Amino acid sequence: MTHELTALVLAALLQYVQFALYALPANRELGPGYTMSARDRDPSRALSERTARLGRAFDNHFEGLILFSIAALVISVSGQSTGVTAACAWTYLAARILYIPAYAHGWRPGRSIIWGLGFAATLLMLLAALL
């Protein structure tokens, strides 16, 4: 398996970790009556700031994972894996791991810088696929 596909699998597993990091406190804070409902209405109480941030980080990773998946698959299937694309894949994964505490703790401007590194790494992979 290429480095890019390995990083992709690990990024997908990270999404499961992020789900747990968000869902466990959200279930405690909102209660099972709401979290097991159809959620046709807004919750009667708000999530804590940190739990809400973990939810947004979780959603953000889905968005980034789409582009990274495309990049990793195209690079791997087309046989264009290089040291540069592998480094970009590992940079993306490292950035996504660091993004979780950065978002949860409100690190500014660190959160945006970390997000930008992962986004740039994905962009470089996509550009490498075209060259």
C-alpha atoms as a PDB file:
ATOM      1  CA  MET A   1       0.000   0.000   0.000  1.00  0.00           C
ATOM      2  CA  THR A   2       1.296   3.484  -0.806  1.00  0.00           C
ATOM      3  CA  HIS A   3       2.065   6.023   1.891  1.00  0.00           C
ATOM      4  CA  GLU A   4      -0.836   8.100   0.605  1.00  0.00           C
ATOM      5  CA  LEU A   5      -3.337   5.248   1.026  1.00  0.00           C
ATOM      6  CA  THR A   6      -1.958   4.399   4.466  1.00  0.00           C
ATOM      7  CA  ALA A   7      -2.407   8.030   5.522  1.00  0.00           C
ATOM      8  CA  LEU A   8      -5.922   7.953   4.059  1.00  0.00           C
ATOM      9  CA  VAL A   9      -6.898   4.881   6.096  1.00  0.00           C
ATOM     10  CA  LEU A  10      -5.449   6.452   9.238  1.00  0.00           C
ATOM     11  CA  ALA A  11      -7.312   9.707   8.497  1.00  0.00           C
ATOM     12  CA  ALA A  12     -10.539   7.722   8.188  1.00  0.00           C
ATOM     13  CA  LEU A  13      -9.847   6.035  11.521  1.00  0.00           C
ATOM     14  CA  LEU A  14      -9.147   9.464  12.992  1.00  0.00           C
ATOM     15  CA  GLN A  15     -12.681  10.427  11.986  1.00  0.00           C
ATOM     16  CA  TYR A  16     -13.965   7.641  14.252  1.00  0.00           C
ATOM     17  CA  VAL A  17     -11.809   8.957  17.097  1.00  0.00           C
ATOM     18  CA  GLN A  18     -13.172  12.444  16.517  1.00  0.00           C
ATOM     19  CA  PHE A  19     -16.708  11.101  16.578  1.00  0.00           C
ATOM     20  CA  ALA A  20     -16.107   9.584  20.011  1.00  0.00           C
ATOM     21  CA  LEU A  21     -14.411  12.758  21.286  1.00  0.00           C
ATOM     22  CA  TYR A  22     -17.515  14.722  20.290  1.00  0.00           C
ATOM     23  CA  ALA A  23     -20.338  12.241  20.849  1.00  0.00           C
ATOM     24  CA  LEU A  24     -19.464  11.156  24.376  1.00  0.00           C
ATOM     25  CA  PRO A  25     -19.570  14.625  25.955  1.00  0.00           C
ATOM     26  CA  ALA A  26     -22.489  15.673  23.721  1.00  0.00           C
ATOM     27  CA  ASN A  27     -24.536  12.718  24.963  1.00  0.00           C
ATOM     28  CA  ARG A  28     -23.696  13.577  28.575  1.00  0.00           C
ATOM     29  CA  GLU A  29     -24.539  17.258  28.094  1.00  0.00           C
ATOM     30  CA  LEU A  30     -27.740  16.893  26.064  1.00  0.00           C
ATOM     31  CA  GLY A  31     -29.017  13.661  27.558  1.00  0.00           C
ATOM     32  CA  PRO A  32     -30.242  10.533  25.818  1.00  0.00           C
ATOM     33  CA  GLY A  33     -33.759  11.915  25.448  1.00  0.00           C
ATOM     34  CA  TYR A  34     -32.468  14.360  22.864  1.00  0.00           C
ATOM     35  CA  THR A  35     -29.566  12.455  21.331  1.00  0.00           C
ATOM     36  CA  MET A  36     -31.705   9.358  20.669  1.00  0.00           C
ATOM     37  CA  SER A  37     -34.596  11.416  19.283  1.00  0.00           C
ATOM     38  CA  ALA A  38     -35.281  12.375  15.656  1.00  0.00           C
ATOM     39  CA  ARG A  39     -33.943  15.847  16.562  1.00  0.00           C
ATOM     40  CA  ASP A  40     -36.911  17.631  15.036  1.00  0.00           C
ATOM     41  CA  ARG A  41     -36.306  20.528  17.412  1.00  0.00           C
ATOM     42  CA  ASP A  42     -33.283  22.278  18.808  1.00  0.00           C
ATOM     43  CA  PRO A  43     -31.954  20.883  22.098  1.00  0.00           C
ATOM     44  CA  SER A  44     -33.331  22.426  25.278  1.00  0.00           C
ATOM     45  CA  ARG A  45     -29.799  23.206  26.457  1.00  0.00           C
ATOM     46  CA  ALA A  46     -26.649  24.225  24.631  1.00  0.00           C
ATOM     47  CA  LEU A  47     -23.472  22.223  24.337  1.00  0.00           C
ATOM     48  CA  SER A  48     -20.470  23.442  26.261  1.00  0.00           C
ATOM     49  CA  GLU A  49     -18.049  25.561  24.271  1.00  0.00           C
ATOM     50  CA  ARG A  50     -15.456  22.772  24.058  1.00  0.00           C
ATOM     51  CA  THR A  51     -17.967  20.100  23.004  1.00  0.00           C
ATOM     52  CA  ALA A  52     -19.399  22.401  20.331  1.00  0.00           C
ATOM     53  CA  ARG A  53     -15.862  23.028  19.065  1.00  0.00           C
ATOM     54  CA  LEU A  54     -15.183  19.277  18.928  1.00  0.00           C
ATOM     55  CA  GLY A  55     -18.347  18.914  16.848  1.00  0.00           C
ATOM     56  CA  ARG A  56     -17.208  21.594  14.429  1.00  0.00           C
ATOM     57  CA  ALA A  57     -13.739  20.004  14.183  1.00  0.00           C
ATOM     58  CA  PHE A  58     -15.429  16.662  13.431  1.00  0.00           C
ATOM     59  CA  ASP A  59     -17.518  18.249  10.653  1.00  0.00           C
ATOM     60  CA  ASN A  60     -14.484  20.094   9.309  1.00  0.00           C
ATOM     61  CA  HIS A  61     -12.538  16.858   8.975  1.00  0.00           C
ATOM     62  CA  PHE A  62     -15.301  15.376   6.803  1.00  0.00           C
ATOM     63  CA  GLU A  63     -14.911  18.361   4.484  1.00  0.00           C
ATOM     64  CA  GLY A  64     -11.125  18.063   4.288  1.00  0.00           C
ATOM     65  CA  LEU A  65     -11.231  14.291   4.029  1.00  0.00           C
ATOM     66  CA  ILE A  66     -13.154  14.483   0.760  1.00  0.00           C
ATOM     67  CA  LEU A  67     -10.384  16.398  -1.023  1.00  0.00           C
ATOM     68  CA  PHE A  68      -7.630  14.390   0.635  1.00  0.00           C
ATOM     69  CA  SER A  69      -9.327  11.139  -0.405  1.00  0.00           C
ATOM     70  CA  ILE A  70      -9.430  12.284  -4.019  1.00  0.00           C
ATOM     71  CA  ALA A  71      -5.762  13.283  -3.896  1.00  0.00           C
ATOM     72  CA  ALA A  72      -4.592  10.064  -2.210  1.00  0.00           C
ATOM     73  CA  LEU A  73      -6.595   7.828  -4.531  1.00  0.00           C
ATOM     74  CA  VAL A  74      -5.556   9.583  -7.736  1.00  0.00           C
ATOM     75  CA  ILE A  75      -1.880   9.591  -6.733  1.00  0.00           C
ATOM     76  CA  SER A  76      -1.980   5.910  -5.739  1.00  0.00           C
ATOM     77  CA  VAL A  77      -4.094   4.527  -8.589  1.00  0.00           C
ATOM     78  CA  SER A  78      -2.117   6.414 -11.234  1.00  0.00           C
ATOM     79  CA  GLY A  79       1.208   5.248  -9.822  1.00  0.00           C
ATOM     80  CA  GLN A  80       2.421   8.785  -9.149  1.00  0.00           C
ATOM     81  CA  SER A  81       3.452   8.298  -5.534  1.00  0.00           C
ATOM     82  CA  THR A  82       6.699  10.107  -4.761  1.00  0.00           C
ATOM     83  CA  GLY A  83       8.553  11.227  -1.677  1.00  0.00           C
ATOM     84  CA  VAL A  84       6.871  14.615  -2.018  1.00  0.00           C
ATOM     85  CA  THR A  85       3.329  13.226  -2.235  1.00  0.00           C
ATOM     86  CA  ALA A  86       4.042  10.863   0.668  1.00  0.00           C
ATOM     87  CA  ALA A  87       5.316  13.790   2.752  1.00  0.00           C
ATOM     88  CA  CYS A  88       2.191  15.750   1.853  1.00  0.00           C
ATOM     89  CA  ALA A  89      -0.019  12.840   2.926  1.00  0.00           C
ATOM     90  CA  TRP A  90       1.715  12.542   6.300  1.00  0.00           C
ATOM     91  CA  THR A  91       1.586  16.344   6.697  1.00  0.00           C
ATOM     92  CA  TYR A  92      -2.167  16.262   6.110  1.00  0.00           C
ATOM     93  CA  LEU A  93      -2.624  13.524   8.717  1.00  0.00           C
ATOM     94  CA  ALA A  94      -0.408  15.279  11.282  1.00  0.00           C
ATOM     95  CA  ALA A  95      -2.273  18.543  10.711  1.00  0.00           C
ATOM     96  CA  ARG A  96      -5.641  16.841  11.221  1.00  0.00           C
ATOM     97  CA  ILE A  97      -4.436  15.261  14.464  1.00  0.00           C
ATOM     98  CA  LEU A  98      -3.127  18.596  15.751  1.00  0.00           C
ATOM     99  CA  TYR A  99      -6.284  20.384  14.606  1.00  0.00           C
ATOM    100  CA  ILE A 100      -8.421  18.579  17.191  1.00  0.00           C
ATOM    101  CA  PRO A 101      -6.816  20.062  20.330  1.00  0.00           C
ATOM    102  CA  ALA A 102      -6.175  23.338  18.509  1.00  0.00           C
ATOM    103  CA  TYR A 103      -9.878  23.753  17.799  1.00  0.00           C
ATOM    104  CA  ALA A 104     -11.043  22.344  21.133  1.00  0.00           C
ATOM    105  CA  HIS A 105      -8.854  24.756  23.086  1.00  0.00           C
ATOM    106  CA  GLY A 106      -9.354  27.746  20.786  1.00  0.00           C
ATOM    107  CA  TRP A 107      -5.715  28.209  19.810  1.00  0.00           C
ATOM    108  CA  ARG A 108      -5.496  31.360  17.719  1.00  0.00           C
ATOM    109  CA  PRO A 109      -3.995  31.708  15.159  1.00  0.00           C
ATOM    110  CA  GLY A 110      -2.585  28.186  15.571  1.00  0.00           C
ATOM    111  CA  ARG A 111      -5.815  26.450  14.606  1.00  0.00           C
ATOM    112  CA  SER A 112      -5.983  28.303  11.300  1.00  0.00           C
ATOM    113  CA  ILE A 113      -2.295  27.734  10.577  1.00  0.00           C
ATOM    114  CA  ILE A 114      -2.638  24.000  11.267  1.00  0.00           C
ATOM    115  CA  TRP A 115      -5.738  23.817   9.059  1.00  0.00           C
ATOM    116  CA  GLY A 116      -3.885  25.692   6.310  1.00  0.00           C
ATOM    117  CA  LEU A 117      -0.981  23.226   6.387  1.00  0.00           C
ATOM    118  CA  GLY A 118      -3.306  20.282   5.840  1.00  0.00           C
ATOM    119  CA  PHE A 119      -5.193  22.116   3.106  1.00  0.00           C
ATOM    120  CA  ALA A 120      -1.950  23.110   1.352  1.00  0.00           C
ATOM    121  CA  ALA A 121      -0.612  19.544   1.572  1.00  0.00           C
ATOM    122  CA  THR A 122      -3.772  18.273  -0.119  1.00  0.00           C
ATOM    123  CA  LEU A 123      -3.549  20.941  -2.805  1.00  0.00           C
ATOM    124  CA  LEU A 124       0.065  20.012  -3.525  1.00  0.00           C
ATOM    125  CA  MET A 125      -0.936  16.375  -3.911  1.00  0.00           C
ATOM    126  CA  LEU A 126      -3.692  17.301  -6.365  1.00  0.00           C
ATOM    127  CA  LEU A 127      -1.293  19.488  -8.362  1.00  0.00           C
ATOM    128  CA  ALA A 128       1.320  16.706  -8.376  1.00  0.00           C
ATOM    129  CA  ALA A 129      -1.292  14.377  -9.857  1.00  0.00           C
ATOM    130  CA  LEU A 130      -1.683  16.721 -12.817  1.00  0.00           C
ATOM    131  CA  LEU A 131       2.048  17.081 -13.510  1.00  0.00           C
END
